[in-house]
Protein backbone atom coordinates (compact mmCIF):
# COMPACT_ATOMS: atom_id res chain seq x y z
CA UNK A 1 -46.38 22.93 19.20
CA UNK A 2 -43.14 24.63 20.04
CA UNK A 3 -43.29 28.33 21.07
CA UNK A 4 -44.87 30.48 18.38
CA UNK A 5 -44.78 27.75 15.73
CA UNK A 6 -48.11 26.90 14.20
CA UNK A 7 -49.02 24.74 11.23
CA UNK A 8 -49.66 27.42 8.61
CA UNK A 9 -48.66 27.57 5.00
CA UNK A 10 -47.04 30.65 3.55
CA UNK A 11 -49.38 32.22 0.95
CA UNK A 12 -46.35 33.05 -1.24
CA UNK A 13 -44.11 29.95 -1.26
CA UNK A 14 -46.44 27.38 0.43
CA UNK A 15 -43.75 26.37 2.95
CA UNK A 16 -44.87 25.46 6.46
CA UNK A 17 -41.95 27.24 8.18
CA UNK A 18 -44.06 30.13 9.49
CA UNK A 19 -43.66 31.94 12.82
CA UNK A 20 -45.65 34.67 14.52
CA UNK A 21 -43.85 37.98 14.14
CA UNK A 22 -46.04 40.28 16.23
CA UNK A 23 -48.31 40.45 19.19
CA UNK A 24 -52.03 40.86 18.55
CA UNK A 25 -52.76 43.99 16.48
CA UNK A 26 -56.03 45.81 17.09
CA UNK A 27 -57.62 47.75 14.24
CA UNK A 28 -61.05 49.30 13.67
CA UNK A 29 -61.97 46.21 11.64
CA UNK A 30 -60.72 43.48 13.98
CA UNK A 31 -57.71 41.86 15.59
CA UNK A 32 -54.96 39.90 13.86
CA UNK A 33 -51.38 38.63 14.22
CA UNK A 34 -48.62 39.13 11.70
CA UNK A 35 -46.79 35.98 10.61
CA UNK A 36 -43.45 35.60 8.81
CA UNK A 37 -42.26 32.82 6.53
CA UNK A 38 -38.75 31.63 7.47
CA UNK A 39 -38.19 30.41 3.91
CA UNK A 40 -39.10 33.39 1.71
CA UNK A 41 -39.37 36.16 4.33
CA UNK A 42 -42.87 37.32 3.36
CA UNK A 43 -45.14 38.62 6.12
CA UNK A 44 -48.90 38.28 6.22
CA UNK A 45 -51.84 38.73 8.57
CA UNK A 46 -53.96 35.97 10.08
CA UNK A 47 -56.88 36.11 9.99
CA UNK A 48 -57.00 37.77 6.58
CA UNK A 49 -59.87 40.21 6.57
CA UNK A 50 -61.10 42.82 4.18
CA UNK A 51 -61.40 46.24 5.75
CA UNK A 52 -64.85 47.83 5.91
CA UNK A 53 -65.95 50.06 3.00
CA UNK A 54 -65.19 53.24 4.96
CA UNK A 55 -61.59 52.18 5.73
CA UNK A 56 -60.08 54.52 3.16
CA UNK A 57 -62.12 57.44 4.49
CA UNK A 58 -59.66 57.80 7.37
CA UNK A 59 -56.64 55.87 6.12
CA UNK A 60 -54.88 58.39 3.91
CA UNK A 61 -51.91 57.44 1.75
CA UNK A 62 -48.61 58.06 3.44
CA UNK A 63 -45.04 57.09 2.82
CA UNK A 64 -44.14 54.60 5.54
CA UNK A 65 -40.61 53.69 6.63
CA UNK A 66 -41.05 50.17 5.24
CA UNK A 67 -41.44 51.64 1.73
CA UNK A 68 -37.92 53.08 1.94
CA UNK A 69 -36.52 49.74 3.15
CA UNK A 70 -37.98 47.98 0.10
CA UNK A 71 -36.85 50.82 -2.18
CA UNK A 72 -33.24 50.51 -0.92
CA UNK A 73 -33.39 46.74 -1.46
CA UNK A 74 -34.64 47.17 -5.04
CA UNK A 75 -31.97 49.78 -5.78
CA UNK A 76 -29.16 47.65 -4.27
CA UNK A 77 -30.15 44.73 -6.48
CA UNK A 78 -30.78 46.80 -9.62
CA UNK A 79 -34.46 45.88 -9.83
CA UNK A 80 -36.24 48.45 -12.01
CA UNK A 81 -39.46 46.68 -13.09
CA UNK A 82 -41.87 43.85 -12.34
CA UNK A 83 -43.08 45.12 -8.97
CA UNK A 84 -46.66 44.26 -7.95
CA UNK A 85 -48.11 45.87 -4.82
CA UNK A 86 -51.09 43.79 -3.70
CA UNK A 87 -53.39 45.77 -1.44
CA UNK A 88 -51.86 49.07 -2.51
CA UNK A 89 -54.57 51.28 -1.02
CA UNK A 90 -54.36 54.61 -2.75
CA UNK A 91 -50.93 53.83 -4.22
CA UNK A 92 -48.42 55.67 -2.02
CA UNK A 93 -45.76 52.95 -2.42
CA UNK A 94 -46.29 52.64 -6.18
CA UNK A 95 -46.02 56.43 -6.42
CA UNK A 96 -42.71 56.39 -4.53
CA UNK A 97 -41.34 53.71 -6.86
CA UNK A 98 -42.48 55.73 -9.88
CA UNK A 99 -40.68 58.81 -8.54
CA UNK A 100 -37.51 56.70 -8.30
CA UNK A 101 -37.83 55.39 -11.88
CA UNK A 102 -39.02 51.90 -10.95
CA UNK A 103 -41.85 50.29 -12.93
CA UNK A 104 -44.62 49.03 -10.65
CA UNK A 105 -48.33 48.33 -10.55
CA UNK A 106 -50.61 48.28 -7.55
CA UNK A 107 -54.04 46.75 -7.14
CA UNK A 108 -56.55 46.89 -4.33
CA UNK A 109 -59.98 45.31 -3.91
CA UNK A 110 -61.59 48.39 -2.38
CA UNK A 111 -63.95 50.30 -4.68
CA UNK A 112 -62.60 53.64 -3.46
CA UNK A 113 -59.12 52.81 -4.70
CA UNK A 114 -58.09 52.11 -8.24
CA UNK A 115 -55.38 50.29 -10.08
CA UNK A 116 -52.32 52.48 -10.09
CA UNK A 117 -49.43 51.93 -12.41
CA UNK A 118 -46.07 53.59 -12.69
CA UNK A 119 -43.94 53.40 -15.80
């Protein structure tokens, strides 16, 4: 295979034009690489792992710089509803969107987090 190219399918658009976008990332629940789809631009981790049950004990919600990048994109394109945050944690991003008048819902598989919706 050529460089960082690997035969992977994007989980969003199912295209095979996927490239590694980061070096190995180490976390308390394992190592992974981030991958980016050249077709739709989505980024995702491989391997996909669920964090341990105590993950949210130390991972507190915070507003990250990426949230503002997405917010600016949504505002530039006039998008005010239909946002789904998969793996929202405790809902910091959904809360930011709500504060800006954007309708969003977030879901997370962890029992310590709940579905959060902004209207």
